[in-house]
Amino acid sequence: VQSYLLPDLMQEQATAANFDGKLRAVVVEDKGGGTTAIQTLRATAPAWLANMIQEFEPTGTKEYRARQAAIWCARLCILLPWPDENAPWLYAFADPLVGQLFQFPNGANDDMVDTFSMGTIYLEPILAEGWQARQGQRAQASPEE
């Protein structure tokens, strides 16, 4: 996507995602075109969207972030929807034969994997809380194990 088209695309996607009024944040990587998109959206988007923009500045390499996100996948804290007409992007992302996820880091494209990794890292405090709660439930359910 050309960087000058990014704010319009983001507004379109946010509007679609907020069809039920439950969208709580629009997280944007605060680097390169993302920085410009943040500034543009805050200046031109409707107030509901401008107020939801949250900058995210990732650290480490894409491979490092993917390994960090993989921890939460291994703990079964991440669930993906089944690919269907509502989530056609899942084929390009998670198909075992051609999806970016399974070709990473050697595939031609890695933007979806990096976005997934950064989203997982952004949600890490919530995932950790859920993981800890599940561990406590298991301990209470079977104390002799």
Protein backbone atom coordinates (compact mmCIF):
# COMPACT_ATOMS: atom_id res chain seq x y z
CA VAL A 1 0.00 0.00 0.00
CA GLN A 2 1.32 3.42 -0.92
CA SER A 3 1.90 5.43 2.25
CA TYR A 4 -0.35 8.28 1.09
CA LEU A 5 -3.25 5.79 0.79
CA LEU A 6 -2.65 4.26 4.23
CA PRO A 7 -4.80 6.66 6.32
CA ASP A 8 -7.82 6.15 4.05
CA LEU A 9 -7.36 2.38 4.12
CA MET A 10 -6.98 2.42 7.90
CA GLN A 11 -10.14 4.49 8.31
CA GLU A 12 -12.02 2.11 6.01
CA GLN A 13 -10.79 -0.95 7.94
CA ALA A 14 -11.51 0.63 11.35
CA THR A 15 -15.03 1.58 10.27
CA ALA A 16 -15.68 -1.98 9.09
CA ALA A 17 -14.20 -3.47 12.28
CA ASN A 18 -16.30 -1.16 14.45
CA PHE A 19 -19.61 -2.32 12.95
CA ASP A 20 -20.79 -3.32 16.42
CA GLY A 21 -19.23 -0.43 18.35
CA LYS A 22 -16.82 -2.73 20.21
CA LEU A 23 -13.55 -1.56 18.67
CA ARG A 24 -11.36 -0.24 21.48
CA ALA A 25 -8.13 0.75 19.75
CA VAL A 26 -6.44 1.11 16.39
CA VAL A 27 -2.82 0.19 17.00
CA VAL A 28 -0.34 1.61 14.51
CA GLU A 29 3.36 0.91 14.21
CA ASP A 30 5.05 4.23 14.92
CA LYS A 31 7.70 3.97 12.19
CA GLY A 32 7.90 5.15 8.60
CA GLY A 33 4.51 5.35 6.93
CA GLY A 34 2.81 4.48 10.20
CA THR A 35 4.02 7.69 11.83
CA THR A 36 2.63 9.74 8.97
CA ALA A 37 -0.64 7.79 9.08
CA ILE A 38 -0.96 8.45 12.83
CA GLN A 39 -0.50 12.18 12.28
CA THR A 40 -2.91 12.28 9.33
CA LEU A 41 -5.63 10.30 11.09
CA ARG A 42 -5.39 12.39 14.25
CA ALA A 43 -5.81 15.53 12.12
CA THR A 44 -8.47 14.37 9.65
CA ALA A 45 -10.34 11.29 10.87
CA PRO A 46 -13.65 11.43 12.71
CA ALA A 47 -13.20 11.97 16.46
CA TRP A 48 -14.19 8.38 17.34
CA LEU A 49 -11.28 7.08 15.25
CA ALA A 50 -8.75 9.81 16.04
CA ASN A 51 -9.20 9.09 19.75
CA MET A 52 -8.61 5.35 19.25
CA ILE A 53 -5.19 5.68 17.61
CA GLN A 54 -2.49 4.09 19.76
CA GLU A 55 1.14 4.15 18.71
CA PHE A 56 3.17 0.99 19.00
CA GLU A 57 6.93 1.00 18.66
CA PRO A 58 8.26 -2.54 18.24
CA THR A 59 11.70 -3.60 19.42
CA GLY A 60 14.05 -6.22 18.03
CA THR A 61 14.05 -7.86 14.63
CA LYS A 62 11.03 -9.41 12.94
CA GLU A 63 12.41 -12.85 13.82
CA TYR A 64 12.79 -11.86 17.47
CA ARG A 65 9.21 -10.57 17.60
CA ALA A 66 7.93 -13.74 15.92
CA ARG A 67 9.69 -15.91 18.52
CA GLN A 68 8.21 -13.78 21.30
CA ALA A 69 4.70 -14.18 19.83
CA ALA A 70 5.24 -17.91 19.32
CA ILE A 71 5.39 -18.37 23.09
CA TRP A 72 1.73 -17.34 23.36
CA CYS A 73 0.78 -19.56 20.44
CA ALA A 74 2.49 -22.55 22.07
CA ARG A 75 0.54 -21.85 25.26
CA LEU A 76 -2.69 -21.96 23.22
CA CYS A 77 -3.47 -18.36 24.09
CA ILE A 78 -4.00 -17.40 20.43
CA LEU A 79 -6.93 -18.70 18.44
CA LEU A 80 -7.41 -17.91 14.77
CA PRO A 81 -10.78 -18.05 13.06
CA TRP A 82 -11.40 -20.77 10.51
CA PRO A 83 -10.79 -19.34 7.04
CA ASP A 84 -14.04 -18.50 5.32
CA GLU A 85 -15.62 -15.63 3.43
CA ASN A 86 -15.34 -13.48 6.58
CA ALA A 87 -11.59 -13.98 6.87
CA PRO A 88 -10.15 -14.62 3.40
CA TRP A 89 -6.79 -13.18 4.52
CA LEU A 90 -6.26 -16.30 6.64
CA TYR A 91 -5.41 -18.37 3.57
CA ALA A 92 -2.55 -16.05 2.64
CA PHE A 93 -1.45 -15.98 6.28
CA ALA A 94 -1.90 -19.47 7.71
CA ASP A 95 -2.23 -21.98 4.87
CA PRO A 96 0.30 -24.72 5.75
CA LEU A 97 1.60 -24.88 2.18
CA VAL A 98 1.73 -21.28 0.99
CA GLY A 99 0.89 -19.08 3.98
CA GLN A 100 3.33 -16.45 5.20
CA LEU A 101 3.24 -17.91 8.70
CA PHE A 102 4.71 -21.24 7.63
CA GLN A 103 7.19 -19.74 5.16
CA PHE A 104 8.58 -17.23 7.64
CA PRO A 105 11.38 -16.08 7.75
CA ASN A 106 12.34 -17.43 4.31
CA GLY A 107 9.23 -16.45 2.36
CA ALA A 108 9.02 -13.59 -0.10
CA ASN A 109 6.59 -11.70 2.16
CA ASP A 110 6.49 -11.33 5.93
CA ASP A 111 4.26 -8.33 6.61
CA MET A 112 1.35 -10.41 7.89
CA VAL A 113 3.60 -12.38 10.23
CA ASP A 114 5.15 -9.20 11.57
CA THR A 115 1.73 -7.61 12.08
CA PHE A 116 0.53 -10.75 13.87
CA SER A 117 3.66 -10.76 16.04
CA MET A 118 3.33 -7.10 16.96
CA GLY A 119 -0.37 -7.53 17.73
CA THR A 120 0.41 -10.47 19.98
CA ILE A 121 3.16 -8.51 21.74
CA TYR A 122 0.83 -5.52 22.16
CA LEU A 123 -1.73 -7.82 23.80
CA GLU A 124 0.88 -9.62 25.91
CA PRO A 125 -0.32 -8.18 29.26
CA ILE A 126 -3.84 -9.48 28.59
CA LEU A 127 -2.55 -12.84 27.33
CA ALA A 128 -0.34 -13.20 30.40
CA GLU A 129 -3.25 -12.49 32.70
CA GLY A 130 -5.36 -15.15 30.98
CA TRP A 131 -2.49 -17.63 31.03
CA GLN A 132 -1.91 -17.09 34.75
CA ALA A 133 -5.62 -17.47 35.48
CA ARG A 134 -5.71 -20.74 33.53
CA GLN A 135 -2.70 -22.04 35.45
CA GLY A 136 -4.40 -21.20 38.75
CA GLN A 137 -7.58 -22.95 37.68
CA ARG A 138 -5.66 -26.08 36.77
CA ALA A 139 -3.90 -26.08 40.13
CA GLN A 140 -7.20 -25.70 41.97
CA ALA A 141 -8.96 -28.32 39.82
CA SER A 142 -6.35 -31.03 40.37
CA PRO A 143 -4.11 -30.31 43.38
CA GLU A 144 -2.54 -33.80 43.37
CA GLU A 145 -0.94 -33.36 39.91
